[in-house]
Amino acid sequence: MSSWYDAWADRYAEWSTGVADVPFYVGLAREADGLLVELAVGNGRVAIPVAQATGRRVVGIDSSPAMLEQARVRALEKGVELDLRAADIRELEIEEPAALIYCPGRSLLHLPTWADRRRCFERVAASLRPNGRFAWNAFAFDHHLAAAIDGRHAETPLPHTNHYSISDNRVDISLDDGGTGSLWWATKNEWLGLLDVAGLRLEALYGGFAGEPLDDNSPEYVFLARR
């Protein structure tokens, strides 16, 4: 995961333009009374607005040194405090129980196997205070969309091509100027199963960041759970 992001950290801001998740995660952070932790913090796209809105330190975990350096520079420019740590989100370790742990930007989809995700969820559960919250989002696989874009070149947000491996639940994203990253999608019941085995309970499941109900046409899963 880190090698792909290391290769294009300076272009990630352009890639993520238009993502509408920041107000959702900022709202959760404002409600949290305690430590805030972001998994796969990247360049600070979400952590910086969270720190600005709450006036509190945000612990940011990521495995990409280049992305963490981007986050450090951006946080300094904005005058906010991010506690940035180079680590694997599957091995989350923090000094005190968190009130909120969140993973925006579909980043949990970089974990390829059930075992990887289970380990991550178990570490999240162990790192939350009682009644603490865990939030994340992931795309809901759309076979119509996959058929329309599989193998076809796209110019935005950066020139790239998507290739789907249905048998492996994987989509490979290849940038024109170098680098390929992969996402492994999951069904709603797989996500709910991960909550179950980690001892977390579902609080809400939305079909969008404005709290839209999840229905047959929802393109996104937006999960909120509690310990």
C-alpha atoms as a PDB file:
ATOM      1  CA  MET A   1       0.000   0.000   0.000  1.00  0.00           C
ATOM      2  CA  SER A   2       2.652   2.523   0.987  1.00  0.00           C
ATOM      3  CA  SER A   3       4.777   2.124  -2.158  1.00  0.00           C
ATOM      4  CA  TRP A   4       1.933   3.248  -4.438  1.00  0.00           C
ATOM      5  CA  TYR A   5       1.120   6.260  -2.288  1.00  0.00           C
ATOM      6  CA  ASP A   6       4.780   7.117  -1.891  1.00  0.00           C
ATOM      7  CA  ALA A   7       5.018   7.324  -5.681  1.00  0.00           C
ATOM      8  CA  TRP A   8       2.246   9.897  -6.068  1.00  0.00           C
ATOM      9  CA  ALA A   9       1.868  11.629  -2.713  1.00  0.00           C
ATOM     10  CA  ASP A  10       2.378  15.009  -4.372  1.00  0.00           C
ATOM     11  CA  ARG A  11      -0.644  14.359  -6.608  1.00  0.00           C
ATOM     12  CA  TYR A  12      -3.027  12.900  -4.032  1.00  0.00           C
ATOM     13  CA  ALA A  13      -4.670  16.269  -3.351  1.00  0.00           C
ATOM     14  CA  GLU A  14      -5.695  16.443  -6.995  1.00  0.00           C
ATOM     15  CA  TRP A  15      -6.916  12.826  -6.959  1.00  0.00           C
ATOM     16  CA  SER A  16      -9.145  13.416  -3.919  1.00  0.00           C
ATOM     17  CA  THR A  17     -10.719  16.658  -5.138  1.00  0.00           C
ATOM     18  CA  GLY A  18     -14.478  16.608  -4.708  1.00  0.00           C
ATOM     19  CA  VAL A  19     -14.660  13.942  -1.989  1.00  0.00           C
ATOM     20  CA  ALA A  20     -17.566  14.928   0.261  1.00  0.00           C
ATOM     21  CA  ASP A  21     -16.709  13.105   3.474  1.00  0.00           C
ATOM     22  CA  VAL A  22     -15.012  15.851   5.489  1.00  0.00           C
ATOM     23  CA  PRO A  23     -18.155  17.384   7.107  1.00  0.00           C
ATOM     24  CA  PHE A  24     -19.302  13.918   8.209  1.00  0.00           C
ATOM     25  CA  TYR A  25     -16.062  13.107  10.016  1.00  0.00           C
ATOM     26  CA  VAL A  26     -15.749  16.622  11.415  1.00  0.00           C
ATOM     27  CA  GLY A  27     -19.240  16.265  12.897  1.00  0.00           C
ATOM     28  CA  LEU A  28     -18.316  13.005  14.619  1.00  0.00           C
ATOM     29  CA  ALA A  29     -15.121  14.553  15.980  1.00  0.00           C
ATOM     30  CA  ARG A  30     -17.019  17.480  17.453  1.00  0.00           C
ATOM     31  CA  GLU A  31     -19.259  15.019  19.319  1.00  0.00           C
ATOM     32  CA  ALA A  32     -16.324  12.999  20.664  1.00  0.00           C
ATOM     33  CA  ASP A  33     -15.080  13.760  24.174  1.00  0.00           C
ATOM     34  CA  GLY A  34     -11.578  12.387  24.080  1.00  0.00           C
ATOM     35  CA  LEU A  35      -8.761  11.255  21.855  1.00  0.00           C
ATOM     36  CA  LEU A  36      -9.265  11.424  18.082  1.00  0.00           C
ATOM     37  CA  VAL A  37      -7.475   8.898  15.854  1.00  0.00           C
ATOM     38  CA  GLU A  38      -7.471   8.737  12.062  1.00  0.00           C
ATOM     39  CA  LEU A  39      -6.407   5.538  10.316  1.00  0.00           C
ATOM     40  CA  ALA A  40      -4.674   5.972   6.934  1.00  0.00           C
ATOM     41  CA  VAL A  41      -4.334   9.700   7.526  1.00  0.00           C
ATOM     42  CA  GLY A  42      -2.616  10.271   4.176  1.00  0.00           C
ATOM     43  CA  ASN A  43      -1.827  13.919   3.501  1.00  0.00           C
ATOM     44  CA  GLY A  44      -4.113  15.171   6.277  1.00  0.00           C
ATOM     45  CA  ARG A  45      -7.047  15.846   3.956  1.00  0.00           C
ATOM     46  CA  VAL A  46      -9.545  15.018   6.736  1.00  0.00           C
ATOM     47  CA  ALA A  47      -7.393  15.239   9.879  1.00  0.00           C
ATOM     48  CA  ILE A  48      -6.525  18.897   9.325  1.00  0.00           C
ATOM     49  CA  PRO A  49     -10.174  20.083   9.105  1.00  0.00           C
ATOM     50  CA  VAL A  50     -10.961  17.882  12.131  1.00  0.00           C
ATOM     51  CA  ALA A  51      -8.164  19.525  14.125  1.00  0.00           C
ATOM     52  CA  GLN A  52      -9.275  22.980  12.979  1.00  0.00           C
ATOM     53  CA  ALA A  53     -12.902  22.349  13.938  1.00  0.00           C
ATOM     54  CA  THR A  54     -12.202  20.810  17.347  1.00  0.00           C
ATOM     55  CA  GLY A  55      -9.056  22.654  18.410  1.00  0.00           C
ATOM     56  CA  ARG A  56      -7.641  19.303  19.496  1.00  0.00           C
ATOM     57  CA  ARG A  57      -4.740  17.078  18.574  1.00  0.00           C
ATOM     58  CA  VAL A  58      -5.466  14.315  16.076  1.00  0.00           C
ATOM     59  CA  VAL A  59      -3.372  11.152  16.031  1.00  0.00           C
ATOM     60  CA  GLY A  60      -2.814  10.117  12.410  1.00  0.00           C
ATOM     61  CA  ILE A  61      -1.593   6.646  11.429  1.00  0.00           C
ATOM     62  CA  ASP A  62      -0.227   5.809   7.969  1.00  0.00           C
ATOM     63  CA  SER A  63       2.292   3.449   6.401  1.00  0.00           C
ATOM     64  CA  SER A  64       3.450   5.846   3.676  1.00  0.00           C
ATOM     65  CA  PRO A  65       6.354   8.125   4.670  1.00  0.00           C
ATOM     66  CA  ALA A  66       5.720  10.383   1.682  1.00  0.00           C
ATOM     67  CA  MET A  67       2.071  10.902   2.583  1.00  0.00           C
ATOM     68  CA  LEU A  68       2.971  11.583   6.212  1.00  0.00           C
ATOM     69  CA  GLU A  69       5.457  14.218   5.089  1.00  0.00           C
ATOM     70  CA  GLN A  70       2.705  15.865   3.037  1.00  0.00           C
ATOM     71  CA  ALA A  71       0.504  15.870   6.147  1.00  0.00           C
ATOM     72  CA  ARG A  72       3.251  17.436   8.267  1.00  0.00           C
ATOM     73  CA  VAL A  73       3.772  20.256   5.782  1.00  0.00           C
ATOM     74  CA  ARG A  74       0.047  20.917   5.373  1.00  0.00           C
ATOM     75  CA  ALA A  75      -0.595  20.854   9.139  1.00  0.00           C
ATOM     76  CA  LEU A  76       2.228  23.347   9.702  1.00  0.00           C
ATOM     77  CA  GLU A  77       0.784  25.628   7.044  1.00  0.00           C
ATOM     78  CA  LYS A  78      -2.656  25.485   8.695  1.00  0.00           C
ATOM     79  CA  GLY A  79      -1.308  25.852  12.230  1.00  0.00           C
ATOM     80  CA  VAL A  80      -2.880  22.682  13.624  1.00  0.00           C
ATOM     81  CA  GLU A  81      -1.477  19.828  15.693  1.00  0.00           C
ATOM     82  CA  LEU A  82      -1.309  16.384  14.154  1.00  0.00           C
ATOM     83  CA  ASP A  83       0.468  13.566  15.964  1.00  0.00           C
ATOM     84  CA  LEU A  84       1.612  11.665  12.876  1.00  0.00           C
ATOM     85  CA  ARG A  85       2.895   8.111  13.222  1.00  0.00           C
ATOM     86  CA  ALA A  86       4.338   5.721  10.647  1.00  0.00           C
ATOM     87  CA  ALA A  87       2.627   2.420  11.383  1.00  0.00           C
ATOM     88  CA  ASP A  88       0.447  -0.343   9.975  1.00  0.00           C
ATOM     89  CA  ILE A  89      -3.226   0.187  10.797  1.00  0.00           C
ATOM     90  CA  ARG A  90      -3.525  -3.568  11.387  1.00  0.00           C
ATOM     91  CA  GLU A  91      -1.194  -3.132  14.359  1.00  0.00           C
ATOM     92  CA  LEU A  92      -2.796  -0.056  15.923  1.00  0.00           C
ATOM     93  CA  GLU A  93      -1.310   0.828  19.302  1.00  0.00           C
ATOM     94  CA  ILE A  94      -2.135   4.025  21.193  1.00  0.00           C
ATOM     95  CA  GLU A  95      -1.301   5.186  24.705  1.00  0.00           C
ATOM     96  CA  GLU A  96      -4.861   5.901  25.861  1.00  0.00           C
ATOM     97  CA  PRO A  97      -8.314   4.714  24.796  1.00  0.00           C
ATOM     98  CA  ALA A  98      -9.795   6.810  22.010  1.00  0.00           C
ATOM     99  CA  ALA A  99     -13.215   8.436  21.892  1.00  0.00           C
ATOM    100  CA  LEU A 100     -13.295   8.254  18.086  1.00  0.00           C
ATOM    101  CA  ILE A 101     -11.331   6.227  15.565  1.00  0.00           C
ATOM    102  CA  TYR A 102     -12.198   6.835  11.930  1.00  0.00           C
ATOM    103  CA  CYS A 103     -10.906   5.744   8.529  1.00  0.00           C
ATOM    104  CA  PRO A 104     -12.053   7.978   5.645  1.00  0.00           C
ATOM    105  CA  GLY A 105     -11.449   7.804   1.908  1.00  0.00           C
ATOM    106  CA  ARG A 106     -12.330   4.113   1.517  1.00  0.00           C
ATOM    107  CA  SER A 107      -8.896   3.330   2.920  1.00  0.00           C
ATOM    108  CA  LEU A 108      -9.917   0.080   4.625  1.00  0.00           C
ATOM    109  CA  LEU A 109     -10.312  -1.321   1.105  1.00  0.00           C
ATOM    110  CA  HIS A 110      -6.526  -1.417   0.815  1.00  0.00           C
ATOM    111  CA  LEU A 111      -6.534  -4.350   3.242  1.00  0.00           C
ATOM    112  CA  PRO A 112      -6.759  -7.385   0.935  1.00  0.00           C
ATOM    113  CA  THR A 113      -7.952 -10.242   3.149  1.00  0.00           C
ATOM    114  CA  TRP A 114     -10.519 -11.033   5.808  1.00  0.00           C
ATOM    115  CA  ALA A 115      -7.652 -11.729   8.221  1.00  0.00           C
ATOM    116  CA  ASP A 116      -6.140  -8.290   7.565  1.00  0.00           C
ATOM    117  CA  ARG A 117      -9.436  -6.551   8.190  1.00  0.00           C
ATOM    118  CA  ARG A 118     -10.280  -8.665  11.210  1.00  0.00           C
ATOM    119  CA  ARG A 119      -6.934  -7.805  12.780  1.00  0.00           C
ATOM    120  CA  CYS A 120      -7.558  -4.114  12.121  1.00  0.00           C
ATOM    121  CA  PHE A 121     -11.059  -4.209  13.599  1.00  0.00           C
ATOM    122  CA  GLU A 122      -9.836  -6.093  16.660  1.00  0.00           C
ATOM    123  CA  ARG A 123      -7.115  -3.503  17.223  1.00  0.00           C
ATOM    124  CA  VAL A 124      -9.678  -0.714  16.835  1.00  0.00           C
ATOM    125  CA  ALA A 125     -11.959  -2.365  19.404  1.00  0.00           C
ATOM    126  CA  ALA A 126      -9.048  -2.750  21.827  1.00  0.00           C
ATOM    127  CA  SER A 127      -8.107   0.916  21.342  1.00  0.00           C
ATOM    128  CA  LEU A 128     -11.532   2.469  21.956  1.00  0.00           C
ATOM    129  CA  ARG A 129     -12.862   3.597  25.299  1.00  0.00           C
ATOM    130  CA  PRO A 130     -16.195   2.079  26.396  1.00  0.00           C
ATOM    131  CA  ASN A 131     -18.911   3.421  24.095  1.00  0.00           C
ATOM    132  CA  GLY A 132     -16.232   4.947  21.851  1.00  0.00           C
ATOM    133  CA  ARG A 133     -17.013   5.214  18.148  1.00  0.00           C
ATOM    134  CA  PHE A 134     -15.498   3.744  14.997  1.00  0.00           C
ATOM    135  CA  ALA A 135     -16.474   5.198  11.617  1.00  0.00           C
ATOM    136  CA  TRP A 136     -15.446   4.398   8.055  1.00  0.00           C
ATOM    137  CA  ASN A 137     -16.744   4.441   4.488  1.00  0.00           C
ATOM    138  CA  ALA A 138     -16.373   2.087   1.517  1.00  0.00           C
ATOM    139  CA  PHE A 139     -17.908   1.896  -1.914  1.00  0.00           C
ATOM    140  CA  ALA A 140     -20.752  -0.534  -2.561  1.00  0.00           C
ATOM    141  CA  PHE A 141     -19.785  -2.635  -5.573  1.00  0.00           C
ATOM    142  CA  ASP A 142     -21.853  -1.635  -8.609  1.00  0.00           C
ATOM    143  CA  HIS A 143     -21.654  -4.127 -11.477  1.00  0.00           C
ATOM    144  CA  HIS A 144     -23.104  -1.574 -13.907  1.00  0.00           C
ATOM    145  CA  LEU A 145     -20.346   0.913 -13.074  1.00  0.00           C
ATOM    146  CA  ALA A 146     -17.647  -1.778 -13.155  1.00  0.00           C
ATOM    147  CA  ALA A 147     -18.747  -2.916 -16.617  1.00  0.00           C
ATOM    148  CA  ALA A 148     -18.780   0.654 -17.897  1.00  0.00           C
ATOM    149  CA  ILE A 149     -15.285   1.637 -16.728  1.00  0.00           C
ATOM    150  CA  ASP A 150     -13.344  -1.644 -16.716  1.00  0.00           C
ATOM    151  CA  GLY A 151     -10.274  -1.260 -18.942  1.00  0.00           C
ATOM    152  CA  ARG A 152     -11.313   2.192 -20.138  1.00  0.00           C
ATOM    153  CA  HIS A 153      -9.015   5.158 -19.822  1.00  0.00           C
ATOM    154  CA  ALA A 154     -10.208   8.149 -17.783  1.00  0.00           C
ATOM    155  CA  GLU A 155      -8.704  11.625 -17.679  1.00  0.00           C
ATOM    156  CA  THR A 156     -10.041  12.678 -14.272  1.00  0.00           C
ATOM    157  CA  PRO A 157      -9.227  13.187 -11.480  1.00  0.00           C
ATOM    158  CA  LEU A 158      -5.836  12.066 -12.806  1.00  0.00           C
ATOM    159  CA  PRO A 159      -5.266  10.114 -16.049  1.00  0.00           C
ATOM    160  CA  HIS A 160      -5.745   6.457 -15.100  1.00  0.00           C
ATOM    161  CA  THR A 161      -7.296   3.116 -16.016  1.00  0.00           C
ATOM    162  CA  ASN A 162      -9.293   0.734 -13.817  1.00  0.00           C
ATOM    163  CA  HIS A 163      -9.084  -3.043 -14.180  1.00  0.00           C
ATOM    164  CA  TYR A 164     -11.485  -5.318 -12.271  1.00  0.00           C
ATOM    165  CA  SER A 165     -10.768  -8.811 -10.971  1.00  0.00           C
ATOM    166  CA  ILE A 166     -14.218 -10.074 -10.018  1.00  0.00           C
ATOM    167  CA  SER A 167     -12.988 -13.388  -8.579  1.00  0.00           C
ATOM    168  CA  ASP A 168     -10.640 -11.549  -6.200  1.00  0.00           C
ATOM    169  CA  ASN A 169     -13.039  -8.688  -5.344  1.00  0.00           C
ATOM    170  CA  ARG A 170     -10.281  -6.347  -6.538  1.00  0.00           C
ATOM    171  CA  VAL A 171      -9.960  -3.258  -8.676  1.00  0.00           C
ATOM    172  CA  ASP A 172      -6.498  -2.120  -9.826  1.00  0.00           C
ATOM    173  CA  ILE A 173      -6.040   1.589 -10.484  1.00  0.00           C
ATOM    174  CA  SER A 174      -3.122   2.330 -12.806  1.00  0.00           C
ATOM    175  CA  LEU A 175      -1.970   5.911 -13.222  1.00  0.00           C
ATOM    176  CA  ASP A 176      -0.679   6.916 -16.657  1.00  0.00           C
ATOM    177  CA  ASP A 177       2.560   8.320 -15.290  1.00  0.00           C
ATOM    178  CA  GLY A 178       3.361   5.410 -13.019  1.00  0.00           C
ATOM    179  CA  GLY A 179       2.041   3.438 -10.100  1.00  0.00           C
ATOM    180  CA  THR A 180      -0.748   0.933  -9.560  1.00  0.00           C
ATOM    181  CA  GLY A 181      -2.823   0.598  -6.422  1.00  0.00           C
ATOM    182  CA  SER A 182      -5.497  -1.935  -5.562  1.00  0.00           C
ATOM    183  CA  LEU A 183      -8.759  -1.893  -3.623  1.00  0.00           C
ATOM    184  CA  TRP A 184     -10.566  -5.019  -2.386  1.00  0.00           C
ATOM    185  CA  TRP A 185     -14.288  -4.401  -2.007  1.00  0.00           C
ATOM    186  CA  ALA A 186     -16.577  -6.076   0.531  1.00  0.00           C
ATOM    187  CA  THR A 187     -20.305  -6.640   0.931  1.00  0.00           C
ATOM    188  CA  LYS A 188     -22.454  -5.131   3.654  1.00  0.00           C
ATOM    189  CA  ASN A 189     -22.634  -8.471   5.455  1.00  0.00           C
ATOM    190  CA  GLU A 190     -18.847  -8.864   5.380  1.00  0.00           C
ATOM    191  CA  TRP A 191     -18.487  -5.493   7.112  1.00  0.00           C
ATOM    192  CA  LEU A 192     -21.158  -6.424   9.651  1.00  0.00           C
ATOM    193  CA  GLY A 193     -19.370  -9.723  10.265  1.00  0.00           C
ATOM    194  CA  LEU A 194     -16.166  -7.856  11.044  1.00  0.00           C
ATOM    195  CA  LEU A 195     -17.985  -5.765  13.622  1.00  0.00           C
ATOM    196  CA  ASP A 196     -19.388  -8.933  15.162  1.00  0.00           C
ATOM    197  CA  VAL A 197     -16.084 -10.783  15.535  1.00  0.00           C
ATOM    198  CA  ALA A 198     -14.383  -7.654  16.915  1.00  0.00           C
ATOM    199  CA  GLY A 199     -17.059  -7.149  19.558  1.00  0.00           C
ATOM    200  CA  LEU A 200     -18.288  -3.846  18.145  1.00  0.00           C
ATOM    201  CA  ARG A 201     -21.937  -2.928  17.663  1.00  0.00           C
ATOM    202  CA  LEU A 202     -23.500  -1.126  14.733  1.00  0.00           C
ATOM    203  CA  GLU A 203     -24.893   2.314  15.538  1.00  0.00           C
ATOM    204  CA  ALA A 204     -25.819   3.447  12.034  1.00  0.00           C
ATOM    205  CA  LEU A 205     -25.349   2.521   8.393  1.00  0.00           C
ATOM    206  CA  TYR A 206     -25.958   5.222   5.815  1.00  0.00           C
ATOM    207  CA  GLY A 207     -25.950   5.362   2.047  1.00  0.00           C
ATOM    208  CA  GLY A 208     -24.179   8.720   1.968  1.00  0.00           C
ATOM    209  CA  PHE A 209     -22.390  11.313   4.077  1.00  0.00           C
ATOM    210  CA  ALA A 210     -25.517  13.392   4.672  1.00  0.00           C
ATOM    211  CA  GLY A 211     -27.161  10.486   6.490  1.00  0.00           C
ATOM    212  CA  GLU A 212     -29.090   9.213   3.479  1.00  0.00           C
ATOM    213  CA  PRO A 213     -30.773   5.840   4.067  1.00  0.00           C
ATOM    214  CA  LEU A 214     -28.972   2.878   2.510  1.00  0.00           C
ATOM    215  CA  ASP A 215     -31.029   1.505  -0.384  1.00  0.00           C
ATOM    216  CA  ASP A 216     -30.607  -0.588  -3.515  1.00  0.00           C
ATOM    217  CA  ASN A 217     -29.030   2.317  -5.400  1.00  0.00           C
ATOM    218  CA  SER A 218     -26.639   3.599  -2.730  1.00  0.00           C
ATOM    219  CA  PRO A 219     -23.071   3.892  -4.063  1.00  0.00           C
ATOM    220  CA  GLU A 220     -21.460   4.137  -0.650  1.00  0.00           C
ATOM    221  CA  TYR A 221     -21.504   2.416   2.729  1.00  0.00           C
ATOM    222  CA  VAL A 222     -20.996   4.855   5.597  1.00  0.00           C
ATOM    223  CA  PHE A 223     -20.644   2.922   8.852  1.00  0.00           C
ATOM    224  CA  LEU A 224     -20.778   4.111  12.436  1.00  0.00           C
ATOM    225  CA  ALA A 225     -20.152   1.625  15.243  1.00  0.00           C
ATOM    226  CA  ARG A 226     -19.549   1.667  18.982  1.00  0.00           C
ATOM    227  CA  ARG A 227     -17.520  -0.420  21.321  1.00  0.00           C
END
